[in-house]
Structures are given as structure tokens and as C-alpha cells.
Amino acid sequence: MKLSRSQKVLLEKATNHYEDSLPLAEEYLLKRGIPLEVAEAIRLGVVVDPLPGQEQFVNRLAIPYVTPSGVVDIRFRSMGPEEPKYLGFPGTQTRLFNVAALHTAKDFIAVCEGEIDAITLHYLCGVPAVGVPGVNSWKPHYTRLLQDFNTVFVFADGDQPGIDFAKSLSKELSSVIIINMPEGEDVNSMYLLHGNDYFKKKVDM
């Protein structure tokens, strides 16, 4: 669904507004291994003074979905024990995160679950990656976007939904190589344990 001009203006305004408060998330981000300069480059923010109608996102990390045409969505992640972990704008369709990687990657690309894992692979490990906002959010046209890559590495979370997602994608694309994270782990937690060499070896970089 194509966004209207007014929707794009609102998303850009919200992103600009919330990224000014990003330093408030520095401690949280560093615990995930994400330096503030990386977070600034991808325009993360924090909702402190919410725009009208966005009060439910207060104190959450704002994660904009930035494309060559601008910001097309924002997801809001809890930085504490609050549930649900993620919130979004009502009625918006799910999208792939970090789609710019589709244009800059060459022979291979990685797919993982969640924005934080995609940030970890792409910006901290140098492995071009896109993120799926939940394993149940995959859409048929995403598969078409990946068809031209020689190899699609699917980094599966160490739980049953992650394993099932990777297996289902391997049935849609012959180029899939599944890389399972240990039980209870994901890309970001393994990065914190082993650093970027762990992932570079997985994709033979």
C-alpha cells in the first residue's frame, strides 16, 4: 500500500522529533552492543514528548524504516520489561527493515528476525541484512526481492518459531542456507558473546 504525501510528512516529522532524544537510549543501546553513532546514522530515537496521537509510545525506542524514498514506517520498542515488546501505528502494513541492503548487497544477503538483529548484522558485523518484524510477518513478495541473490543466509532464532520460519523460507528459495542460533539465543545475543568474527565466519567473509 502506497503512502500518501501527508503520511510521509508525518513519519518524517516524527522521526526528526524523536531522534533528538536518542541520547536517553544510550545505556540501553550499549547493552546491545550498538554505539550511539551507529544509532544516530540509522535515525533511531526515543519518544519523550510524543506527537499528538502517539502517547502510547512514550519511553519507547523509535525505530524508523528508512528507504530511498524516505521514512515509510516507525516501530516502537520497549526498553524495559513492558509488554508488548513492540508497538506500531494501527492499520499499517508490515515491511522489511533495512531495505537499502537489497541495493548494496552483491552475491549474498542475510535475513533475520527483528530490527535489532538486522542492525547487528549489517552495521556491526558488515553482513548485509534485512530484518523481518516477526516470523509471522513474511509476505510472498519478499521472496521475489531475494531471488537474484546467489545465497540467502537465514539466521534463525534459537526457538521453535525461528526454526520453523527458516525452514519455510528454504522451501520458497533454493538459495537459502540456514544458520541456527543456539537454543535461547538470537543474533544480537551471540554478537555480545562472540563479536562480529562469529558471523563473518558463518558467511565466509
Protein backbone atom coordinates (compact mmCIF):
# COMPACT_ATOMS: atom_id res chain seq x y z
CA MET A 1 0.00 0.00 0.00
CA LYS A 2 1.47 3.29 -1.13
CA LEU A 3 1.74 6.02 1.48
CA SER A 4 0.10 9.38 0.92
CA ARG A 5 2.16 12.54 0.94
CA SER A 6 0.65 13.55 4.31
CA GLN A 7 1.58 10.15 5.81
CA LYS A 8 5.17 10.54 4.61
CA VAL A 9 5.36 14.06 6.04
CA LEU A 10 4.07 12.83 9.42
CA LEU A 11 6.54 9.92 9.53
CA GLU A 12 9.44 12.22 8.71
CA LYS A 13 8.30 14.73 11.32
CA ALA A 14 8.05 12.02 13.99
CA THR A 15 11.47 10.63 13.13
CA ASN A 16 13.07 14.07 13.32
CA HIS A 17 11.32 14.78 16.61
CA TYR A 18 12.25 11.55 18.35
CA GLU A 19 15.84 11.29 17.17
CA ASP A 20 16.64 14.44 19.15
CA SER A 21 16.12 12.38 22.33
CA LEU A 22 18.29 9.45 21.25
CA PRO A 23 20.97 10.04 23.95
CA LEU A 24 18.41 8.86 26.51
CA ALA A 25 18.69 5.38 24.98
CA GLU A 26 22.48 5.25 25.06
CA GLU A 27 22.70 2.89 28.03
CA TYR A 28 20.13 0.51 26.55
CA LEU A 29 21.82 0.52 23.14
CA LEU A 30 25.30 -0.06 24.56
CA LYS A 31 23.97 -3.10 26.41
CA ARG A 32 23.02 -4.40 22.97
CA GLY A 33 26.45 -3.51 21.61
CA ILE A 34 25.14 -0.65 19.46
CA PRO A 35 27.26 2.55 19.65
CA LEU A 36 25.41 5.86 19.70
CA GLU A 37 26.99 6.91 16.39
CA VAL A 38 25.51 3.87 14.65
CA ALA A 39 22.12 4.58 16.19
CA GLU A 40 22.35 8.18 15.02
CA ALA A 41 23.24 7.12 11.48
CA ILE A 42 20.09 5.00 11.20
CA ARG A 43 17.99 7.68 12.89
CA LEU A 44 16.84 5.84 16.00
CA GLY A 45 15.09 7.95 18.61
CA VAL A 46 13.24 7.95 21.92
CA VAL A 47 9.66 9.04 22.48
CA VAL A 48 9.76 11.58 25.31
CA ASP A 49 7.41 14.30 24.11
CA PRO A 50 5.01 12.35 21.86
CA LEU A 51 3.34 13.89 18.86
CA PRO A 52 -0.48 14.03 19.10
CA GLY A 53 -1.96 10.54 18.88
CA GLN A 54 1.34 8.83 19.73
CA GLU A 55 1.13 8.98 23.51
CA GLN A 56 1.09 5.18 23.80
CA PHE A 57 4.70 5.09 22.62
CA VAL A 58 6.18 7.16 25.47
CA ASN A 59 9.60 5.98 26.70
CA ARG A 60 9.99 3.56 23.80
CA LEU A 61 12.80 3.35 21.27
CA ALA A 62 11.62 4.69 17.91
CA ILE A 63 12.94 2.62 15.00
CA PRO A 64 12.24 4.24 11.63
CA TYR A 65 12.05 2.18 8.45
CA VAL A 66 14.13 4.38 6.15
CA THR A 67 14.09 3.76 2.39
CA PRO A 68 15.45 5.74 -0.58
CA SER A 69 12.04 7.45 -0.74
CA GLY A 70 12.10 8.42 2.93
CA VAL A 71 10.64 7.04 6.16
CA VAL A 72 7.86 4.54 5.44
CA ASP A 73 7.10 3.29 8.95
CA ILE A 74 8.21 3.52 12.58
CA ARG A 75 8.16 0.72 15.13
CA PHE A 76 8.41 1.41 18.83
CA ARG A 77 10.38 -0.99 21.03
CA SER A 78 10.17 -1.28 24.78
CA MET A 79 13.50 -0.65 26.51
CA GLY A 80 12.35 -2.38 29.69
CA PRO A 81 10.03 -5.17 30.79
CA GLU A 82 6.94 -3.53 29.33
CA GLU A 83 4.75 -5.64 27.09
CA PRO A 84 4.13 -5.87 24.27
CA LYS A 85 7.76 -5.59 23.29
CA TYR A 86 6.88 -3.86 20.01
CA LEU A 87 4.13 -1.43 19.08
CA GLY A 88 3.30 0.15 15.76
CA PHE A 89 0.82 2.51 14.17
CA PRO A 90 -2.67 0.99 13.90
CA GLY A 91 -3.54 -0.31 10.45
CA THR A 92 -0.05 -0.11 8.97
CA GLN A 93 1.28 -2.99 6.91
CA THR A 94 4.47 -4.73 7.94
CA ARG A 95 7.61 -4.13 5.89
CA LEU A 96 11.17 -5.37 5.68
CA PHE A 97 13.62 -3.40 7.77
CA ASN A 98 16.82 -2.01 6.21
CA VAL A 99 15.72 -2.49 2.60
CA ALA A 100 18.70 -0.40 1.46
CA ALA A 101 20.74 -3.58 1.94
CA LEU A 102 18.91 -5.10 -1.03
CA HIS A 103 20.51 -2.49 -3.26
CA THR A 104 24.03 -2.55 -1.80
CA ALA A 105 24.49 -6.29 -1.22
CA LYS A 106 26.15 -8.25 -4.00
CA ASP A 107 26.24 -12.05 -4.07
CA PHE A 108 24.54 -12.73 -0.76
CA ILE A 109 22.23 -11.24 1.82
CA ALA A 110 21.12 -12.23 5.30
CA VAL A 111 17.59 -12.39 6.70
CA CYS A 112 16.91 -12.30 10.42
CA GLU A 113 14.07 -11.62 12.82
CA GLY A 114 13.74 -8.12 14.20
CA GLU A 115 15.31 -4.74 13.70
CA ILE A 116 17.96 -5.06 16.42
CA ASP A 117 19.32 -8.26 14.87
CA ALA A 118 19.38 -6.67 11.42
CA ILE A 119 21.24 -3.66 12.81
CA THR A 120 23.71 -6.01 14.48
CA LEU A 121 24.45 -7.99 11.34
CA HIS A 122 24.51 -5.10 8.89
CA TYR A 123 26.11 -2.27 10.82
CA LEU A 124 28.20 -4.07 13.44
CA CYS A 125 29.28 -7.20 11.57
CA GLY A 126 29.38 -5.94 7.99
CA VAL A 127 26.98 -8.66 6.83
CA PRO A 128 24.30 -7.13 4.55
CA ALA A 129 20.98 -7.92 6.19
CA VAL A 130 17.28 -7.21 6.23
CA GLY A 131 15.01 -7.77 9.20
CA VAL A 132 11.54 -9.27 9.39
CA PRO A 133 9.35 -7.70 12.11
CA GLY A 134 8.22 -11.08 13.44
CA VAL A 135 8.34 -14.51 11.85
CA ASN A 136 4.63 -14.33 11.01
CA SER A 137 5.11 -11.13 9.02
CA TRP A 138 6.69 -12.67 5.91
CA LYS A 139 4.92 -11.79 2.65
CA PRO A 140 5.18 -13.53 -0.74
CA HIS A 141 6.70 -10.53 -2.49
CA TYR A 142 9.62 -10.50 -0.03
CA THR A 143 10.70 -13.78 -1.60
CA ARG A 144 10.82 -12.15 -5.03
CA LEU A 145 13.09 -9.43 -3.66
CA LEU A 146 15.64 -12.11 -2.68
CA GLN A 147 15.57 -14.22 -5.82
CA ASP A 148 18.54 -12.56 -7.52
CA PHE A 149 21.00 -13.33 -4.71
CA ASN A 150 23.24 -16.36 -5.08
CA THR A 151 22.89 -17.08 -1.36
CA VAL A 152 20.35 -16.04 1.24
CA PHE A 153 21.57 -16.71 4.77
CA VAL A 154 18.67 -17.08 7.19
CA PHE A 155 19.78 -16.51 10.77
CA ALA A 156 17.17 -18.39 12.78
CA ASP A 157 16.48 -17.52 16.40
CA GLY A 158 17.12 -20.38 18.78
CA ASP A 159 13.46 -21.21 19.35
CA GLN A 160 10.80 -23.21 17.52
CA PRO A 161 9.20 -20.24 15.69
CA GLY A 162 12.65 -19.20 14.43
CA ILE A 163 13.45 -22.70 13.22
CA ASP A 164 10.05 -23.09 11.56
CA PHE A 165 10.41 -19.73 9.80
CA ALA A 166 13.81 -20.65 8.39
CA LYS A 167 12.54 -24.00 7.14
CA SER A 168 9.53 -22.42 5.45
CA LEU A 169 11.72 -19.86 3.67
CA SER A 170 14.07 -22.61 2.48
CA LYS A 171 11.09 -24.19 0.70
CA GLU A 172 10.45 -20.94 -1.16
CA LEU A 173 14.06 -20.20 -2.15
CA SER A 174 16.61 -22.75 -3.30
CA SER A 175 19.43 -20.36 -2.39
CA VAL A 176 18.73 -20.44 1.37
CA ILE A 177 21.37 -21.51 3.87
CA ILE A 178 20.02 -21.76 7.41
CA ILE A 179 22.24 -20.69 10.29
CA ASN A 180 20.60 -21.67 13.56
CA MET A 181 21.39 -19.72 16.68
CA PRO A 182 21.87 -21.84 19.83
CA GLU A 183 18.79 -22.51 21.94
CA GLY A 184 17.52 -19.36 23.59
CA GLU A 185 19.88 -17.09 21.62
CA ASP A 186 19.48 -14.66 18.74
CA VAL A 187 21.85 -12.70 16.51
CA ASN A 188 22.34 -9.86 18.97
CA SER A 189 22.97 -12.08 22.00
CA MET A 190 25.51 -14.13 20.03
CA TYR A 191 27.21 -10.93 18.89
CA LEU A 192 27.55 -9.85 22.52
CA LEU A 193 29.07 -13.23 23.37
CA HIS A 194 31.40 -13.72 20.40
CA GLY A 195 31.74 -10.47 18.41
CA ASN A 196 31.50 -9.94 14.67
CA ASP A 197 34.05 -12.62 13.72
CA TYR A 198 31.48 -15.25 14.70
CA PHE A 199 29.14 -14.06 11.95
CA LYS A 200 31.80 -13.33 9.35
CA LYS A 201 32.93 -16.94 9.63
CA LYS A 202 29.34 -18.11 9.21
CA VAL A 203 29.08 -16.37 5.84
CA ASP A 204 32.72 -16.99 4.89
CA MET A 205 33.75 -13.30 4.79
